[in-house]
Amino acid sequence: MTITIEVFDLHALNLLRELEQLKVIRFVPQIEIDAEQPMLKQKEFKAISLDTQGFKFNRDEANER
C-alpha cells in the first residue's frame, strides 16, 4: 500500500525515520511515484490587464519616494 503524507513537524519526521529503521515502513523516492501518476498540466499566468482610467501620475510625488 502506498500513502503520501505531508510532515509538518520535525518530531513526526524523526518518528517516521525510526519506523523505517525498524523495517516497518519504507521511504520511496518521489521520482518513482511520479512515474505511476500522470502529470497534471499547471495553468500558467502569462498576462495582466489593469484599468488605468482615472489614474493620474504625479512625477514630482513619485520622485520624492
N, C-alpha and C. Protein backbone atom coordinates (compact mmCIF):
# COMPACT_ATOMS: atom_id res chain seq x y z
N MET A 1 0.85 -1.16 0.00
CA MET A 1 0.00 0.00 0.00
C MET A 1 0.91 1.24 0.00
N THR A 2 0.55 2.25 -0.79
CA THR A 2 1.30 3.50 -0.87
C THR A 2 0.44 4.63 -0.35
N ILE A 3 1.03 5.43 0.56
CA ILE A 3 0.35 6.58 1.14
C ILE A 3 1.29 7.77 1.05
N THR A 4 0.79 8.90 0.59
CA THR A 4 1.57 10.13 0.54
C THR A 4 1.16 11.00 1.71
N ILE A 5 2.15 11.50 2.46
CA ILE A 5 1.86 12.34 3.61
C ILE A 5 2.68 13.62 3.56
N GLU A 6 2.19 14.65 4.24
CA GLU A 6 2.95 15.88 4.43
C GLU A 6 3.34 15.93 5.89
N VAL A 7 4.63 16.16 6.16
CA VAL A 7 5.12 16.23 7.52
C VAL A 7 5.29 17.68 7.91
N PHE A 8 4.61 18.10 8.98
CA PHE A 8 4.66 19.49 9.42
C PHE A 8 5.58 19.70 10.62
N ASP A 9 6.07 18.63 11.21
CA ASP A 9 6.82 18.74 12.45
C ASP A 9 8.05 17.85 12.38
N LEU A 10 9.17 18.34 12.89
CA LEU A 10 10.41 17.58 12.88
C LEU A 10 10.31 16.31 13.71
N HIS A 11 9.52 16.35 14.79
CA HIS A 11 9.34 15.16 15.63
C HIS A 11 8.64 14.05 14.85
N ALA A 12 7.68 14.41 14.04
CA ALA A 12 6.97 13.43 13.22
C ALA A 12 7.92 12.81 12.20
N LEU A 13 8.79 13.62 11.61
CA LEU A 13 9.75 13.11 10.65
C LEU A 13 10.73 12.15 11.32
N ASN A 14 11.17 12.50 12.52
CA ASN A 14 12.07 11.61 13.26
C ASN A 14 11.39 10.29 13.59
N LEU A 15 10.12 10.34 13.94
CA LEU A 15 9.37 9.12 14.23
C LEU A 15 9.28 8.24 12.98
N LEU A 16 9.02 8.85 11.83
CA LEU A 16 8.96 8.08 10.59
C LEU A 16 10.31 7.46 10.25
N ARG A 17 11.39 8.17 10.50
CA ARG A 17 12.72 7.62 10.25
C ARG A 17 13.02 6.44 11.17
N GLU A 18 12.56 6.53 12.43
CA GLU A 18 12.73 5.40 13.36
C GLU A 18 11.94 4.18 12.88
N LEU A 19 10.73 4.41 12.38
CA LEU A 19 9.93 3.31 11.86
C LEU A 19 10.60 2.67 10.64
N GLU A 20 11.27 3.49 9.83
CA GLU A 20 11.98 2.95 8.68
C GLU A 20 13.15 2.08 9.14
N GLN A 21 13.84 2.49 10.18
CA GLN A 21 14.96 1.70 10.70
C GLN A 21 14.48 0.38 11.27
N LEU A 22 13.26 0.35 11.80
CA LEU A 22 12.68 -0.88 12.33
C LEU A 22 12.08 -1.76 11.23
N LYS A 23 12.20 -1.30 9.97
CA LYS A 23 11.68 -2.02 8.80
C LYS A 23 10.15 -2.16 8.84
N VAL A 24 9.49 -1.15 9.43
CA VAL A 24 8.03 -1.13 9.47
C VAL A 24 7.49 -0.39 8.26
N ILE A 25 8.21 0.67 7.85
CA ILE A 25 7.83 1.43 6.66
C ILE A 25 9.07 1.59 5.79
N ARG A 26 8.86 2.07 4.56
CA ARG A 26 9.97 2.30 3.64
C ARG A 26 9.70 3.60 2.89
N PHE A 27 10.73 4.44 2.83
CA PHE A 27 10.63 5.66 2.04
C PHE A 27 10.96 5.34 0.60
N VAL A 28 10.13 5.84 -0.32
CA VAL A 28 10.34 5.62 -1.74
C VAL A 28 10.59 6.99 -2.38
N PRO A 29 11.63 7.11 -3.20
CA PRO A 29 11.89 8.40 -3.84
C PRO A 29 10.68 8.89 -4.64
N GLN A 30 10.45 10.18 -4.63
CA GLN A 30 9.29 10.78 -5.30
C GLN A 30 9.29 10.50 -6.79
N ILE A 31 10.42 10.32 -7.41
CA ILE A 31 10.52 10.07 -8.84
C ILE A 31 9.74 8.81 -9.23
N GLU A 32 9.83 7.79 -8.42
CA GLU A 32 9.12 6.54 -8.72
C GLU A 32 7.61 6.73 -8.63
N ILE A 33 7.15 7.51 -7.69
CA ILE A 33 5.72 7.76 -7.54
C ILE A 33 5.21 8.56 -8.72
N ASP A 34 5.98 9.57 -9.17
CA ASP A 34 5.56 10.41 -10.30
C ASP A 34 5.43 9.60 -11.59
N ALA A 35 6.23 8.56 -11.75
CA ALA A 35 6.15 7.77 -12.96
C ALA A 35 4.82 7.03 -13.06
N GLU A 36 4.23 6.70 -11.91
CA GLU A 36 2.96 5.98 -11.91
C GLU A 36 1.77 6.90 -12.15
N GLN A 37 1.85 8.16 -11.69
CA GLN A 37 0.73 9.08 -11.79
C GLN A 37 0.94 10.04 -12.95
N PRO A 38 -0.09 10.26 -13.76
CA PRO A 38 0.06 11.22 -14.86
C PRO A 38 0.20 12.64 -14.30
N MET A 39 1.03 13.43 -14.96
CA MET A 39 1.25 14.80 -14.53
C MET A 39 0.07 15.67 -14.97
N LEU A 40 -0.43 16.49 -14.06
CA LEU A 40 -1.48 17.43 -14.38
C LEU A 40 -0.84 18.71 -14.90
N LYS A 41 -1.39 19.23 -15.98
CA LYS A 41 -0.84 20.45 -16.55
C LYS A 41 -1.24 21.63 -15.67
N GLN A 42 -0.23 22.40 -15.24
CA GLN A 42 -0.49 23.55 -14.41
C GLN A 42 -0.83 24.75 -15.29
N LYS A 43 -1.76 25.56 -14.81
CA LYS A 43 -2.13 26.76 -15.55
C LYS A 43 -1.01 27.78 -15.40
N GLU A 44 -0.72 28.48 -16.49
CA GLU A 44 0.33 29.48 -16.49
C GLU A 44 -0.29 30.87 -16.49
N PHE A 45 0.30 31.76 -15.73
CA PHE A 45 -0.11 33.15 -15.70
C PHE A 45 0.77 33.91 -16.66
N LYS A 46 0.22 34.39 -17.77
CA LYS A 46 1.04 34.99 -18.81
C LYS A 46 0.81 36.49 -18.99
N ALA A 47 -0.33 37.03 -18.62
CA ALA A 47 -0.61 38.44 -18.90
C ALA A 47 -1.53 39.01 -17.84
N ILE A 48 -1.50 40.33 -17.75
CA ILE A 48 -2.37 41.03 -16.82
C ILE A 48 -2.89 42.29 -17.51
N SER A 49 -4.09 42.65 -17.20
CA SER A 49 -4.69 43.86 -17.76
C SER A 49 -5.23 44.69 -16.61
N LEU A 50 -4.78 45.94 -16.53
CA LEU A 50 -5.23 46.84 -15.47
C LEU A 50 -5.99 48.00 -16.07
N ASP A 51 -7.08 48.37 -15.41
CA ASP A 51 -7.85 49.52 -15.85
C ASP A 51 -7.23 50.77 -15.23
N THR A 52 -6.63 51.63 -16.04
CA THR A 52 -5.97 52.84 -15.55
C THR A 52 -6.80 54.08 -15.81
N GLN A 53 -8.04 53.91 -16.15
CA GLN A 53 -8.91 55.05 -16.42
C GLN A 53 -9.11 55.82 -15.11
N GLY A 54 -8.85 57.11 -15.15
CA GLY A 54 -8.99 57.94 -13.97
C GLY A 54 -7.73 57.99 -13.12
N PHE A 55 -6.68 57.30 -13.51
CA PHE A 55 -5.41 57.29 -12.78
C PHE A 55 -4.57 58.48 -13.22
N LYS A 56 -4.06 59.23 -12.24
CA LYS A 56 -3.20 60.37 -12.54
C LYS A 56 -1.82 60.11 -11.96
N PHE A 57 -0.79 60.27 -12.77
CA PHE A 57 0.58 60.07 -12.34
C PHE A 57 1.21 61.41 -12.01
N ASN A 58 1.68 61.56 -10.79
CA ASN A 58 2.33 62.78 -10.35
C ASN A 58 3.83 62.50 -10.27
N ARG A 59 4.58 62.97 -11.24
CA ARG A 59 6.02 62.68 -11.34
C ARG A 59 6.78 63.23 -10.13
N ASP A 60 6.42 64.45 -9.66
CA ASP A 60 7.10 65.04 -8.51
C ASP A 60 6.90 64.19 -7.25
N GLU A 61 5.67 63.72 -7.07
CA GLU A 61 5.39 62.87 -5.90
C GLU A 61 6.16 61.56 -6.00
N ALA A 62 6.25 61.00 -7.17
CA ALA A 62 6.99 59.74 -7.35
C ALA A 62 8.48 59.95 -7.11
N ASN A 63 9.02 61.08 -7.52
CA ASN A 63 10.45 61.35 -7.33
C ASN A 63 10.79 61.56 -5.86
N GLU A 64 9.83 62.03 -5.06
CA GLU A 64 10.07 62.21 -3.63
C GLU A 64 10.30 60.87 -2.92
N ARG A 65 9.74 59.82 -3.45
CA ARG A 65 9.90 58.49 -2.84
C ARG A 65 11.26 58.02 -3.17
